[in-house]
Amino acid sequence: MAKKSSRILVGLICTVCDKQNYVVDKNKINTTGALKLNKYCNKCRKHTEHKEKKKLD
C-alpha cells in the first residue's frame, strides 16, 4: 500500500488571461496559504503572476 502523503496537486492559473498553465504539487502542512508565483504564460507571451486554483484530485 502507498503511504498517505501530505502533498496535494494544485493548478496554477494566469491572473491576466485566466488560463491554467501549470500543475504543481505543494505540501499542505508547510504551505497553508495560496500559492502566488511569477511564471511564463504561453497565451500572454510574458511572465505574469499565477495563482493557485482549486485542488485537483
C-alpha atoms as a PDB file:
ATOM      1  CA  MET A   1       0.000   0.000   0.000  1.00  0.00           C
ATOM      2  CA  ALA A   2       1.110   3.514  -0.711  1.00  0.00           C
ATOM      3  CA  LYS A   3       1.833   5.945   2.080  1.00  0.00           C
ATOM      4  CA  LYS A   4      -0.635   8.713   2.768  1.00  0.00           C
ATOM      5  CA  SER A   5       1.147  11.848   1.620  1.00  0.00           C
ATOM      6  CA  SER A   6       0.767  15.438   2.770  1.00  0.00           C
ATOM      7  CA  ARG A   7       1.400  16.692  -0.775  1.00  0.00           C
ATOM      8  CA  ILE A   8      -1.519  17.688  -2.992  1.00  0.00           C
ATOM      9  CA  LEU A   9      -1.800  18.688  -6.659  1.00  0.00           C
ATOM     10  CA  VAL A  10      -2.902  22.240  -7.454  1.00  0.00           C
ATOM     11  CA  GLY A  11      -3.308  24.072 -10.738  1.00  0.00           C
ATOM     12  CA  LEU A  12      -1.805  27.499 -11.409  1.00  0.00           C
ATOM     13  CA  ILE A  13      -3.880  29.938 -13.468  1.00  0.00           C
ATOM     14  CA  CYS A  14      -2.729  33.188 -15.035  1.00  0.00           C
ATOM     15  CA  THR A  15      -4.222  36.268 -13.367  1.00  0.00           C
ATOM     16  CA  VAL A  16      -4.295  38.154 -16.685  1.00  0.00           C
ATOM     17  CA  CYS A  17      -5.974  35.690 -19.085  1.00  0.00           C
ATOM     18  CA  ASP A  18      -7.307  33.025 -16.622  1.00  0.00           C
ATOM     19  CA  LYS A  19      -5.682  30.122 -18.485  1.00  0.00           C
ATOM     20  CA  GLN A  20      -4.399  27.161 -16.469  1.00  0.00           C
ATOM     21  CA  ASN A  21      -0.776  26.680 -17.498  1.00  0.00           C
ATOM     22  CA  TYR A  22       0.844  24.620 -14.750  1.00  0.00           C
ATOM     23  CA  VAL A  23       0.064  21.762 -12.367  1.00  0.00           C
ATOM     24  CA  VAL A  24       2.310  21.604  -9.300  1.00  0.00           C
ATOM     25  CA  ASP A  25       2.272  19.807  -6.001  1.00  0.00           C
ATOM     26  CA  LYS A  26       2.511  21.524  -2.655  1.00  0.00           C
ATOM     27  CA  ASN A  27       2.883  20.407   0.921  1.00  0.00           C
ATOM     28  CA  LYS A  28      -0.395  21.318   2.625  1.00  0.00           C
ATOM     29  CA  ILE A  29       1.180  21.209   6.091  1.00  0.00           C
ATOM     30  CA  ASN A  30       4.098  23.599   5.429  1.00  0.00           C
ATOM     31  CA  THR A  31       2.345  25.859   2.892  1.00  0.00           C
ATOM     32  CA  THR A  32      -1.065  26.686   4.306  1.00  0.00           C
ATOM     33  CA  GLY A  33      -1.698  29.808   2.205  1.00  0.00           C
ATOM     34  CA  ALA A  34      -2.454  30.006  -1.503  1.00  0.00           C
ATOM     35  CA  LEU A  35       0.482  29.927  -3.932  1.00  0.00           C
ATOM     36  CA  LYS A  36       1.303  33.030  -6.000  1.00  0.00           C
ATOM     37  CA  LEU A  37       4.202  32.604  -8.410  1.00  0.00           C
ATOM     38  CA  ASN A  38       5.557  34.544 -11.376  1.00  0.00           C
ATOM     39  CA  LYS A  39       5.536  32.069 -14.272  1.00  0.00           C
ATOM     40  CA  TYR A  40       5.563  32.278 -18.077  1.00  0.00           C
ATOM     41  CA  CYS A  41       2.158  32.294 -19.797  1.00  0.00           C
ATOM     42  CA  ASN A  42       2.043  30.966 -23.367  1.00  0.00           C
ATOM     43  CA  LYS A  43      -1.125  32.857 -24.205  1.00  0.00           C
ATOM     44  CA  CYS A  44       0.111  36.237 -22.911  1.00  0.00           C
ATOM     45  CA  ARG A  45       3.693  35.523 -24.079  1.00  0.00           C
ATOM     46  CA  LYS A  46       5.206  37.089 -20.961  1.00  0.00           C
ATOM     47  CA  HIS A  47       5.853  36.426 -17.293  1.00  0.00           C
ATOM     48  CA  THR A  48       2.734  37.044 -15.230  1.00  0.00           C
ATOM     49  CA  GLU A  49       1.537  36.216 -11.756  1.00  0.00           C
ATOM     50  CA  HIS A  50      -0.112  32.816 -11.448  1.00  0.00           C
ATOM     51  CA  LYS A  51      -2.295  31.938  -8.508  1.00  0.00           C
ATOM     52  CA  GLU A  52      -3.450  28.653  -7.077  1.00  0.00           C
ATOM     53  CA  LYS A  53      -6.623  27.131  -8.437  1.00  0.00           C
ATOM     54  CA  LYS A  54      -8.888  24.669  -6.669  1.00  0.00           C
ATOM     55  CA  LYS A  55      -7.256  21.458  -5.539  1.00  0.00           C
ATOM     56  CA  LEU A  56      -7.132  18.656  -8.108  1.00  0.00           C
ATOM     57  CA  ASP A  57      -7.861  15.052  -7.235  1.00  0.00           C
END
